[in-house]
Amino acid sequence: MTLKDLRLTEEILRAFFDGVTFKYTVCGDRPIKSKVEGLNIIAEESGFERKKIYYIGDRGEDIKSAMEAGVNAVWVSYGLGKRGEFSELSDYIEVQDFSDLYRIFR
């Protein structure tokens, strides 16, 4: 889920995750009120169990939204956010660099 439009999102995914299939995305060309709403849309429309959905983010809000929606949270520590934004939370996967992230989803 991203606020970027679908075309740009697909270009980014191909550039960084070549060979990885993302089965469902919600992008900025589809209006949503919150990240939790977007994650709920993904869960409901895709038919996937929430435990099989991963939300990758670099901000505390991303981790909190994933947890509120009942999906897996992946925090990329090399992004813009800081651990202090969600230090009270513990149920997330942390990746230190892009290669860690790629290994999880390859």
N, C-alpha and C. Protein backbone atom coordinates (compact mmCIF):
# COMPACT_ATOMS: atom_id res chain seq x y z
N MET A 1 0.84 -1.15 0.00
CA MET A 1 0.00 0.00 0.00
C MET A 1 0.90 1.22 0.00
N THR A 2 0.55 2.16 -0.86
CA THR A 2 1.32 3.38 -0.98
C THR A 2 0.43 4.49 -1.50
N LEU A 3 0.85 5.72 -1.31
CA LEU A 3 0.11 6.85 -1.87
C LEU A 3 0.53 7.14 -3.31
N LYS A 4 1.59 6.48 -3.78
CA LYS A 4 2.02 6.64 -5.17
C LYS A 4 0.98 6.00 -6.09
N ASP A 5 0.94 6.45 -7.36
CA ASP A 5 -0.02 5.83 -8.28
C ASP A 5 0.47 4.44 -8.69
N LEU A 6 -0.44 3.65 -9.22
CA LEU A 6 -0.15 2.25 -9.53
C LEU A 6 0.99 2.10 -10.54
N ARG A 7 1.00 2.92 -11.59
CA ARG A 7 2.04 2.80 -12.61
C ARG A 7 3.42 3.00 -12.01
N LEU A 8 3.61 4.05 -11.22
CA LEU A 8 4.90 4.31 -10.59
C LEU A 8 5.25 3.20 -9.60
N THR A 9 4.27 2.75 -8.85
CA THR A 9 4.50 1.67 -7.88
C THR A 9 4.99 0.41 -8.57
N GLU A 10 4.36 0.05 -9.68
CA GLU A 10 4.79 -1.14 -10.41
C GLU A 10 6.22 -0.99 -10.94
N GLU A 11 6.59 0.20 -11.40
CA GLU A 11 7.97 0.45 -11.85
C GLU A 11 8.96 0.27 -10.71
N ILE A 12 8.63 0.81 -9.55
CA ILE A 12 9.50 0.70 -8.37
C ILE A 12 9.64 -0.77 -7.96
N LEU A 13 8.54 -1.49 -7.92
CA LEU A 13 8.59 -2.90 -7.53
C LEU A 13 9.45 -3.72 -8.49
N ARG A 14 9.31 -3.45 -9.80
CA ARG A 14 10.14 -4.17 -10.78
C ARG A 14 11.61 -3.83 -10.59
N ALA A 15 11.92 -2.56 -10.31
CA ALA A 15 13.31 -2.14 -10.16
C ALA A 15 13.98 -2.75 -8.93
N PHE A 16 13.25 -2.82 -7.82
CA PHE A 16 13.85 -3.26 -6.57
C PHE A 16 13.55 -4.72 -6.21
N PHE A 17 12.48 -5.27 -6.74
CA PHE A 17 12.08 -6.63 -6.39
C PHE A 17 11.90 -7.49 -7.64
N ASP A 18 12.83 -7.40 -8.56
CA ASP A 18 12.75 -8.18 -9.79
C ASP A 18 12.62 -9.67 -9.44
N GLY A 19 11.61 -10.31 -9.97
CA GLY A 19 11.40 -11.73 -9.71
C GLY A 19 10.50 -12.01 -8.53
N VAL A 20 10.11 -10.98 -7.77
CA VAL A 20 9.20 -11.15 -6.64
C VAL A 20 7.81 -10.71 -7.09
N THR A 21 6.81 -11.53 -6.83
CA THR A 21 5.44 -11.20 -7.23
C THR A 21 4.68 -10.64 -6.03
N PHE A 22 4.18 -9.44 -6.19
CA PHE A 22 3.29 -8.85 -5.19
C PHE A 22 1.88 -9.12 -5.69
N LYS A 23 1.14 -9.90 -4.94
CA LYS A 23 -0.15 -10.37 -5.42
C LYS A 23 -1.25 -9.33 -5.32
N TYR A 24 -1.08 -8.31 -4.47
CA TYR A 24 -2.14 -7.32 -4.30
C TYR A 24 -1.54 -6.03 -3.80
N THR A 25 -1.94 -4.92 -4.39
CA THR A 25 -1.48 -3.61 -3.93
C THR A 25 -2.65 -2.64 -3.92
N VAL A 26 -2.58 -1.66 -3.04
CA VAL A 26 -3.52 -0.54 -3.02
C VAL A 26 -2.66 0.71 -3.15
N CYS A 27 -2.98 1.54 -4.14
CA CYS A 27 -2.15 2.70 -4.44
C CYS A 27 -2.94 3.99 -4.32
N GLY A 28 -2.23 5.11 -4.48
CA GLY A 28 -2.81 6.43 -4.30
C GLY A 28 -3.91 6.79 -5.27
N ASP A 29 -4.04 6.05 -6.38
CA ASP A 29 -5.13 6.38 -7.28
C ASP A 29 -6.46 5.84 -6.77
N ARG A 30 -6.42 5.20 -5.63
CA ARG A 30 -7.64 4.70 -4.99
C ARG A 30 -7.76 5.39 -3.63
N PRO A 31 -8.73 6.28 -3.47
CA PRO A 31 -8.80 7.05 -2.22
C PRO A 31 -9.08 6.18 -0.99
N ILE A 32 -8.26 6.37 0.04
CA ILE A 32 -8.46 5.69 1.32
C ILE A 32 -8.30 6.73 2.42
N LYS A 33 -8.92 6.49 3.56
CA LYS A 33 -8.87 7.45 4.66
C LYS A 33 -7.69 7.23 5.59
N SER A 34 -7.19 6.00 5.63
CA SER A 34 -6.07 5.70 6.53
C SER A 34 -5.33 4.47 6.03
N LYS A 35 -4.15 4.26 6.57
CA LYS A 35 -3.38 3.06 6.23
C LYS A 35 -4.09 1.81 6.70
N VAL A 36 -4.74 1.89 7.84
CA VAL A 36 -5.49 0.74 8.35
C VAL A 36 -6.62 0.39 7.38
N GLU A 37 -7.31 1.40 6.86
CA GLU A 37 -8.38 1.14 5.89
C GLU A 37 -7.80 0.47 4.64
N GLY A 38 -6.66 0.96 4.16
CA GLY A 38 -6.02 0.35 3.00
C GLY A 38 -5.64 -1.10 3.24
N LEU A 39 -5.11 -1.38 4.41
CA LEU A 39 -4.75 -2.76 4.75
C LEU A 39 -5.98 -3.64 4.87
N ASN A 40 -7.05 -3.09 5.42
CA ASN A 40 -8.30 -3.85 5.50
C ASN A 40 -8.86 -4.14 4.10
N ILE A 41 -8.74 -3.18 3.19
CA ILE A 41 -9.17 -3.41 1.80
C ILE A 41 -8.38 -4.56 1.20
N ILE A 42 -7.07 -4.54 1.39
CA ILE A 42 -6.22 -5.61 0.85
C ILE A 42 -6.67 -6.96 1.41
N ALA A 43 -6.87 -7.02 2.72
CA ALA A 43 -7.26 -8.29 3.35
C ALA A 43 -8.62 -8.77 2.83
N GLU A 44 -9.57 -7.87 2.75
CA GLU A 44 -10.92 -8.26 2.36
C GLU A 44 -11.00 -8.62 0.88
N GLU A 45 -10.44 -7.79 0.02
CA GLU A 45 -10.58 -8.01 -1.42
C GLU A 45 -9.67 -9.11 -1.95
N SER A 46 -8.54 -9.31 -1.30
CA SER A 46 -7.62 -10.34 -1.79
C SER A 46 -8.03 -11.74 -1.33
N GLY A 47 -8.73 -11.80 -0.20
CA GLY A 47 -9.10 -13.09 0.35
C GLY A 47 -7.97 -13.77 1.12
N PHE A 48 -6.82 -13.09 1.23
CA PHE A 48 -5.69 -13.66 1.96
C PHE A 48 -5.95 -13.59 3.46
N GLU A 49 -5.45 -14.58 4.18
CA GLU A 49 -5.48 -14.52 5.63
C GLU A 49 -4.57 -13.37 6.07
N ARG A 50 -4.96 -12.67 7.09
CA ARG A 50 -4.16 -11.52 7.54
C ARG A 50 -2.76 -11.94 7.96
N LYS A 51 -2.61 -13.16 8.47
CA LYS A 51 -1.28 -13.61 8.89
C LYS A 51 -0.35 -13.83 7.70
N LYS A 52 -0.89 -13.80 6.47
CA LYS A 52 -0.07 -13.96 5.28
C LYS A 52 0.18 -12.63 4.56
N ILE A 53 -0.28 -11.54 5.16
CA ILE A 53 -0.11 -10.20 4.58
C ILE A 53 0.99 -9.48 5.35
N TYR A 54 1.90 -8.84 4.62
CA TYR A 54 3.01 -8.10 5.22
C TYR A 54 2.94 -6.65 4.77
N TYR A 55 3.06 -5.74 5.73
CA TYR A 55 3.11 -4.32 5.41
C TYR A 55 4.51 -3.82 5.75
N ILE A 56 5.21 -3.34 4.74
CA ILE A 56 6.58 -2.87 4.90
C ILE A 56 6.54 -1.36 5.04
N GLY A 57 7.16 -0.85 6.11
CA GLY A 57 7.16 0.59 6.31
C GLY A 57 8.41 1.05 7.03
N ASP A 58 8.62 2.36 6.98
CA ASP A 58 9.81 2.92 7.63
C ASP A 58 9.45 3.91 8.74
N ARG A 59 8.19 4.00 9.09
CA ARG A 59 7.75 4.92 10.14
C ARG A 59 6.95 4.18 11.20
N GLY A 60 6.94 4.77 12.38
CA GLY A 60 6.17 4.18 13.47
C GLY A 60 4.70 4.01 13.11
N GLU A 61 4.15 4.98 12.39
CA GLU A 61 2.75 4.92 11.97
C GLU A 61 2.49 3.67 11.11
N ASP A 62 3.46 3.29 10.30
CA ASP A 62 3.31 2.10 9.46
C ASP A 62 3.21 0.84 10.32
N ILE A 63 4.09 0.74 11.31
CA ILE A 63 4.10 -0.43 12.19
C ILE A 63 2.80 -0.49 12.99
N LYS A 64 2.38 0.64 13.53
CA LYS A 64 1.14 0.69 14.31
C LYS A 64 -0.07 0.35 13.45
N SER A 65 -0.09 0.85 12.22
CA SER A 65 -1.21 0.57 11.31
C SER A 65 -1.29 -0.92 10.98
N ALA A 66 -0.15 -1.53 10.71
CA ALA A 66 -0.14 -2.97 10.41
C ALA A 66 -0.69 -3.76 11.59
N MET A 67 -0.24 -3.41 12.78
CA MET A 67 -0.70 -4.13 13.97
C MET A 67 -2.19 -3.92 14.20
N GLU A 68 -2.67 -2.69 14.00
CA GLU A 68 -4.10 -2.41 14.18
C GLU A 68 -4.95 -3.19 13.17
N ALA A 69 -4.42 -3.36 11.96
CA ALA A 69 -5.14 -4.09 10.92
C ALA A 69 -4.98 -5.60 11.06
N GLY A 70 -4.10 -6.04 11.95
CA GLY A 70 -3.91 -7.47 12.17
C GLY A 70 -3.06 -8.17 11.13
N VAL A 71 -2.17 -7.40 10.47
CA VAL A 71 -1.25 -7.99 9.49
C VAL A 71 0.18 -7.90 10.01
N ASN A 72 1.08 -8.58 9.35
CA ASN A 72 2.49 -8.57 9.76
C ASN A 72 3.13 -7.21 9.45
N ALA A 73 3.92 -6.73 10.38
CA ALA A 73 4.62 -5.46 10.21
C ALA A 73 6.10 -5.72 9.97
N VAL A 74 6.65 -5.06 8.95
CA VAL A 74 8.08 -5.13 8.67
C VAL A 74 8.60 -3.70 8.70
N TRP A 75 9.53 -3.44 9.62
CA TRP A 75 10.11 -2.10 9.73
C TRP A 75 11.48 -2.08 9.06
N VAL A 76 11.65 -1.18 8.09
CA VAL A 76 12.95 -1.01 7.45
C VAL A 76 13.68 0.09 8.21
N SER A 77 14.67 -0.31 8.99
CA SER A 77 15.37 0.62 9.88
C SER A 77 16.22 1.63 9.13
N TYR A 78 16.44 1.42 7.84
CA TYR A 78 17.25 2.33 7.04
C TYR A 78 16.39 3.41 6.37
N GLY A 79 15.11 3.47 6.72
CA GLY A 79 14.22 4.47 6.14
C GLY A 79 14.22 5.76 6.94
N LEU A 80 13.15 6.51 6.84
CA LEU A 80 13.06 7.83 7.45
C LEU A 80 12.68 7.80 8.93
N GLY A 81 11.99 6.77 9.38
CA GLY A 81 11.51 6.71 10.75
C GLY A 81 12.59 6.35 11.76
N LYS A 82 12.25 6.55 13.02
CA LYS A 82 13.15 6.23 14.13
C LYS A 82 12.45 5.25 15.07
N ARG A 83 13.24 4.37 15.66
CA ARG A 83 12.70 3.35 16.56
C ARG A 83 11.87 3.97 17.69
N GLY A 84 12.22 5.14 18.15
CA GLY A 84 11.49 5.79 19.23
C GLY A 84 10.03 6.08 18.91
N GLU A 85 9.68 6.07 17.62
CA GLU A 85 8.30 6.33 17.22
C GLU A 85 7.36 5.20 17.64
N PHE A 86 7.93 4.03 17.93
CA PHE A 86 7.09 2.87 18.28
C PHE A 86 7.83 1.94 19.23
N SER A 87 8.65 2.49 20.09
CA SER A 87 9.50 1.67 20.98
C SER A 87 8.68 0.78 21.91
N GLU A 88 7.41 1.11 22.13
CA GLU A 88 6.58 0.29 23.01
C GLU A 88 6.08 -0.98 22.32
N LEU A 89 6.27 -1.08 21.02
CA LEU A 89 5.80 -2.24 20.26
C LEU A 89 6.92 -3.25 20.09
N SER A 90 6.56 -4.51 19.99
CA SER A 90 7.61 -5.52 19.84
C SER A 90 7.30 -6.57 18.76
N ASP A 91 6.08 -6.62 18.29
CA ASP A 91 5.69 -7.69 17.38
C ASP A 91 5.82 -7.25 15.91
N TYR A 92 7.06 -7.06 15.48
CA TYR A 92 7.33 -6.68 14.10
C TYR A 92 8.66 -7.29 13.67
N ILE A 93 8.85 -7.37 12.37
CA ILE A 93 10.12 -7.85 11.81
C ILE A 93 10.95 -6.61 11.48
N GLU A 94 12.21 -6.62 11.88
CA GLU A 94 13.10 -5.50 11.57
C GLU A 94 14.12 -5.94 10.53
N VAL A 95 14.31 -5.11 9.52
CA VAL A 95 15.35 -5.37 8.54
C VAL A 95 16.33 -4.20 8.55
N GLN A 96 17.61 -4.53 8.44
CA GLN A 96 18.68 -3.53 8.54
C GLN A 96 19.06 -2.92 7.20
N ASP A 97 18.84 -3.67 6.13
CA ASP A 97 19.20 -3.15 4.81
C ASP A 97 18.33 -3.84 3.75
N PHE A 98 18.46 -3.36 2.54
CA PHE A 98 17.61 -3.87 1.47
C PHE A 98 17.80 -5.36 1.23
N SER A 99 19.01 -5.85 1.38
CA SER A 99 19.24 -7.28 1.14
C SER A 99 18.47 -8.14 2.15
N ASP A 100 18.33 -7.68 3.40
CA ASP A 100 17.51 -8.40 4.38
C ASP A 100 16.06 -8.48 3.91
N LEU A 101 15.56 -7.37 3.44
CA LEU A 101 14.19 -7.31 2.96
C LEU A 101 13.99 -8.24 1.77
N TYR A 102 14.93 -8.21 0.87
CA TYR A 102 14.84 -9.05 -0.33
C TYR A 102 14.84 -10.53 0.04
N ARG A 103 15.66 -10.92 1.02
CA ARG A 103 15.72 -12.32 1.44
C ARG A 103 14.39 -12.81 2.00
N ILE A 104 13.68 -11.96 2.69
CA ILE A 104 12.40 -12.35 3.29
C ILE A 104 11.38 -12.70 2.21
N PHE A 105 11.36 -11.93 1.14
CA PHE A 105 10.29 -12.06 0.15
C PHE A 105 10.71 -12.72 -1.16
N ARG A 106 11.90 -13.19 -1.22
CA ARG A 106 12.37 -13.82 -2.46
C ARG A 106 11.80 -15.19 -2.62
